Protein backbone atom coordinates (compact mmCIF):
# COMPACT_ATOMS: atom_id res chain seq x y z
CA MET A 1 14.89 18.44 -22.47
CA ASP A 2 14.67 16.29 -25.56
CA PHE A 3 13.15 17.28 -28.92
CA SER A 4 9.86 15.51 -28.33
CA ALA A 5 9.22 17.41 -25.10
CA GLU A 6 10.10 20.71 -26.80
CA ALA A 7 7.78 19.89 -29.70
CA ILE A 8 4.90 19.12 -27.33
CA ILE A 9 5.46 22.34 -25.38
CA ALA A 10 5.56 24.35 -28.62
CA PHE A 11 2.36 22.64 -29.77
CA MET A 12 0.63 23.58 -26.51
CA GLU A 13 1.75 27.18 -26.93
CA ARG A 14 0.21 27.31 -30.41
CA HIS A 15 -2.93 25.36 -29.51
CA GLN A 16 -4.06 26.46 -26.07
CA GLU A 17 -7.40 24.72 -26.55
CA TRP A 18 -5.56 21.39 -26.29
CA SER A 19 -3.70 22.22 -23.07
CA PHE A 20 -6.29 20.55 -20.79
CA TRP A 21 -6.34 17.32 -22.81
CA LEU A 22 -2.61 17.11 -23.35
CA SER A 23 -1.95 17.77 -19.66
CA LEU A 24 -4.46 15.05 -18.81
CA VAL A 25 -2.79 12.52 -21.12
CA PHE A 26 0.73 13.27 -19.94
CA ALA A 27 -0.19 13.28 -16.25
CA ALA A 28 -2.06 9.98 -16.69
CA ALA A 29 1.02 8.51 -18.36
CA GLU A 30 3.25 9.85 -15.59
CA THR A 31 1.20 8.18 -12.86
CA THR A 32 0.41 4.91 -14.65
CA ALA A 33 2.65 1.99 -13.78
CA PHE A 34 5.10 1.14 -16.57
CA LEU A 35 4.12 4.12 -18.78
CA SER A 36 5.73 6.50 -16.31
CA LEU A 37 9.09 4.99 -17.15
CA LEU A 38 8.67 5.76 -20.86
CA VAL A 39 7.05 9.20 -21.03
CA PRO A 40 8.89 12.37 -19.83
CA SER A 41 5.69 13.90 -18.48
CA THR A 42 7.15 15.78 -15.53
CA ALA A 43 9.61 17.59 -17.80
CA ILE A 44 6.79 18.44 -20.18
CA LEU A 45 4.55 19.78 -17.40
CA VAL A 46 7.41 21.87 -15.96
CA GLY A 47 8.15 23.19 -19.47
CA VAL A 48 4.52 24.03 -20.11
CA GLY A 49 4.47 25.76 -16.74
CA ALA A 50 7.32 27.94 -17.95
CA THR A 51 5.17 29.01 -20.91
CA VAL A 52 2.51 30.13 -18.43
CA ALA A 53 5.01 32.75 -17.23
CA THR A 54 5.09 34.21 -20.75
CA GLY A 55 1.31 34.36 -20.96
CA ALA A 56 1.29 31.91 -23.88
CA VAL A 57 -0.78 29.30 -22.03
CA PRO A 58 -3.25 29.78 -19.14
CA PHE A 59 -2.51 27.89 -15.92
CA PHE A 60 -5.97 26.58 -15.00
CA PRO A 61 -6.47 24.14 -17.92
CA ILE A 62 -2.99 22.71 -17.36
CA TRP A 63 -3.67 22.23 -13.65
CA ALA A 64 -7.16 20.77 -14.16
CA GLY A 65 -6.03 18.38 -16.90
CA ALA A 66 -2.94 17.27 -15.00
CA ALA A 67 -4.95 16.74 -11.78
CA LEU A 68 -7.58 14.62 -13.52
CA GLY A 69 -4.92 12.70 -15.48
CA ALA A 70 -2.92 11.99 -12.31
CA MET A 71 -6.07 10.70 -10.61
CA VAL A 72 -6.90 8.44 -13.55
CA GLY A 73 -3.36 7.05 -13.98
CA SER A 74 -2.70 6.37 -10.33
CA THR A 75 -6.15 4.85 -9.76
CA PHE A 76 -5.61 2.56 -12.74
CA SER A 77 -2.25 1.56 -11.24
CA TRP A 78 -3.98 0.89 -7.89
CA TRP A 79 -6.45 -1.36 -9.72
CA LEU A 80 -3.62 -3.21 -11.50
CA GLY A 81 -1.99 -3.88 -8.13
CA TRP A 82 -5.28 -4.93 -6.52
CA ARG A 83 -6.24 -7.20 -9.44
CA PHE A 84 -2.93 -8.75 -10.41
CA GLY A 85 -0.90 -8.42 -7.22
CA ALA A 86 2.48 -10.09 -7.07
CA ARG A 87 2.29 -11.30 -10.69
CA ILE A 88 3.14 -7.76 -11.73
CA LEU A 89 6.44 -7.93 -9.84
CA ALA A 90 7.58 -10.73 -12.15
CA MET A 91 7.07 -8.52 -15.23
CA TRP A 92 9.43 -6.10 -16.93
CA PRO A 93 10.55 -3.54 -15.84
CA LEU A 94 9.92 -4.31 -12.16
CA LYS A 95 11.67 -7.67 -12.23
CA ASP A 96 14.82 -5.83 -13.37
CA HIS A 97 14.63 -3.28 -10.51
CA PRO A 98 14.18 -5.18 -7.24
CA ASP A 99 15.72 -2.24 -5.35
CA LEU A 100 12.96 0.09 -6.58
CA VAL A 101 10.31 -2.49 -5.67
CA GLU A 102 11.79 -2.90 -2.18
CA LYS A 103 11.92 0.88 -1.66
CA ALA A 104 8.26 1.16 -2.65
CA ALA A 105 7.30 -1.72 -0.35
CA ASP A 106 9.23 -0.16 2.54
CA ALA A 107 7.66 3.23 1.91
CA PHE A 108 4.17 1.76 1.84
CA ARG A 109 4.75 -0.31 5.00
CA LYS A 110 6.21 2.69 6.81
CA TRP A 111 3.87 5.47 5.68
CA GLY A 112 0.73 3.75 4.32
CA MET A 113 -1.55 6.38 2.85
CA GLY A 114 1.19 8.99 3.25
CA ALA A 115 3.22 6.97 0.74
CA VAL A 116 0.44 7.45 -1.80
CA PHE A 117 0.70 11.20 -1.29
CA ILE A 118 4.51 11.20 -1.43
CA GLY A 119 4.46 8.86 -4.42
CA HIS A 120 3.12 11.62 -6.62
CA PHE A 121 6.11 13.82 -5.82
CA PHE A 122 8.92 11.28 -5.65
CA GLY A 123 9.81 10.08 -9.13
CA PRO A 124 11.62 6.86 -8.24
CA LEU A 125 8.58 5.61 -6.29
CA ARG A 126 5.92 6.82 -8.73
CA PRO A 127 5.99 3.78 -11.05
CA VAL A 128 5.26 1.34 -8.23
CA ILE A 129 3.76 3.01 -5.16
CA PHE A 130 0.22 3.03 -6.57
CA LEU A 131 0.62 -0.63 -7.53
CA PHE A 132 1.64 -1.38 -3.95
CA ALA A 133 -1.40 0.44 -2.60
CA GLY A 134 -3.52 -2.00 -4.60
CA MET A 135 -1.37 -5.02 -3.77
CA MET A 136 -1.60 -4.23 -0.06
CA LYS A 137 -5.38 -3.99 -0.51
CA MET A 138 -5.63 -0.37 0.58
CA SER A 139 -9.36 0.37 0.51
CA LEU A 140 -10.52 2.14 -2.63
CA PRO A 141 -12.37 4.94 -0.77
CA LEU A 142 -9.29 5.74 1.34
CA PHE A 143 -7.04 5.54 -1.72
CA LEU A 144 -9.34 7.87 -3.69
CA ILE A 145 -9.41 10.48 -0.93
CA VAL A 146 -5.63 10.58 -0.47
CA ASN A 147 -4.97 10.22 -4.18
CA THR A 148 -7.31 13.07 -5.15
CA VAL A 149 -5.68 15.50 -2.72
CA ALA A 150 -2.17 14.40 -3.78
CA ALA A 151 -2.97 14.50 -7.50
CA MET A 152 -4.39 18.01 -7.22
CA ALA A 153 -1.34 19.18 -5.24
CA TRP A 154 1.12 17.53 -7.65
CA ALA A 155 -0.70 18.96 -10.67
CA TYR A 156 -0.38 22.42 -9.13
CA VAL A 157 3.22 22.22 -7.93
CA ILE A 158 4.87 20.75 -11.04
CA PRO A 159 3.70 23.29 -13.64
CA LYS A 160 3.88 26.09 -11.04
CA PHE A 161 7.55 25.21 -10.52
CA GLY A 162 8.06 25.76 -14.25
CA GLU A 163 6.07 28.99 -14.18
CA VAL A 164 8.10 30.41 -11.28
CA GLY A 165 11.30 29.33 -13.03
CA GLY A 166 10.10 31.07 -16.20
CA ILE A 167 9.36 34.26 -14.26
CA ILE A 168 12.83 34.21 -12.70
CA VAL A 169 14.52 33.61 -16.07
CA GLY A 170 12.44 36.40 -17.62
CA TRP A 171 13.35 38.75 -14.81
CA PHE A 172 17.10 38.06 -15.26
CA TRP A 173 16.72 38.34 -19.03
CA ASN A 174 15.16 41.79 -18.66
CA LEU A 175 17.72 42.78 -16.02
CA LEU A 176 20.52 42.00 -18.46
CA GLY A 177 18.79 44.06 -21.15
CA PHE A 178 17.97 41.33 -23.65
């Protein structure tokens, strides 16, 4: 984990009142096309989840903020795809990664709304699968239903993974007598 992620996690430990908002911002960045390539949000949310295991940060605000942020970011990406369509594919960074674009297109053709769900959990597809949902003109009501369920599940699983990892590390730490 790089210094910036560690600094953000430490900040959230010291300022629990910001955990909802920071989780919202990072989850929105993680699920927004193009931003997801620049912001290490998953690592931050896993790290913050590990602090839940210590009791430093409560789980619910992290989950609620991350769920709402994931809904906002992925819905915005859907809108970008719906509004701008194929023009987005000619932009950086997608024009430099035709293999990623083709994987996302294949996933969406094969699984449809299931790809939207899987897209939250599969990092390589995350930057483009929500764009493809919009490009393929997936209806907004259907997208919102699937996206809401997936965003809530993703927002639970990612920090919970960190929390469980933190519990296991703490258990071994205590077992070794440290």
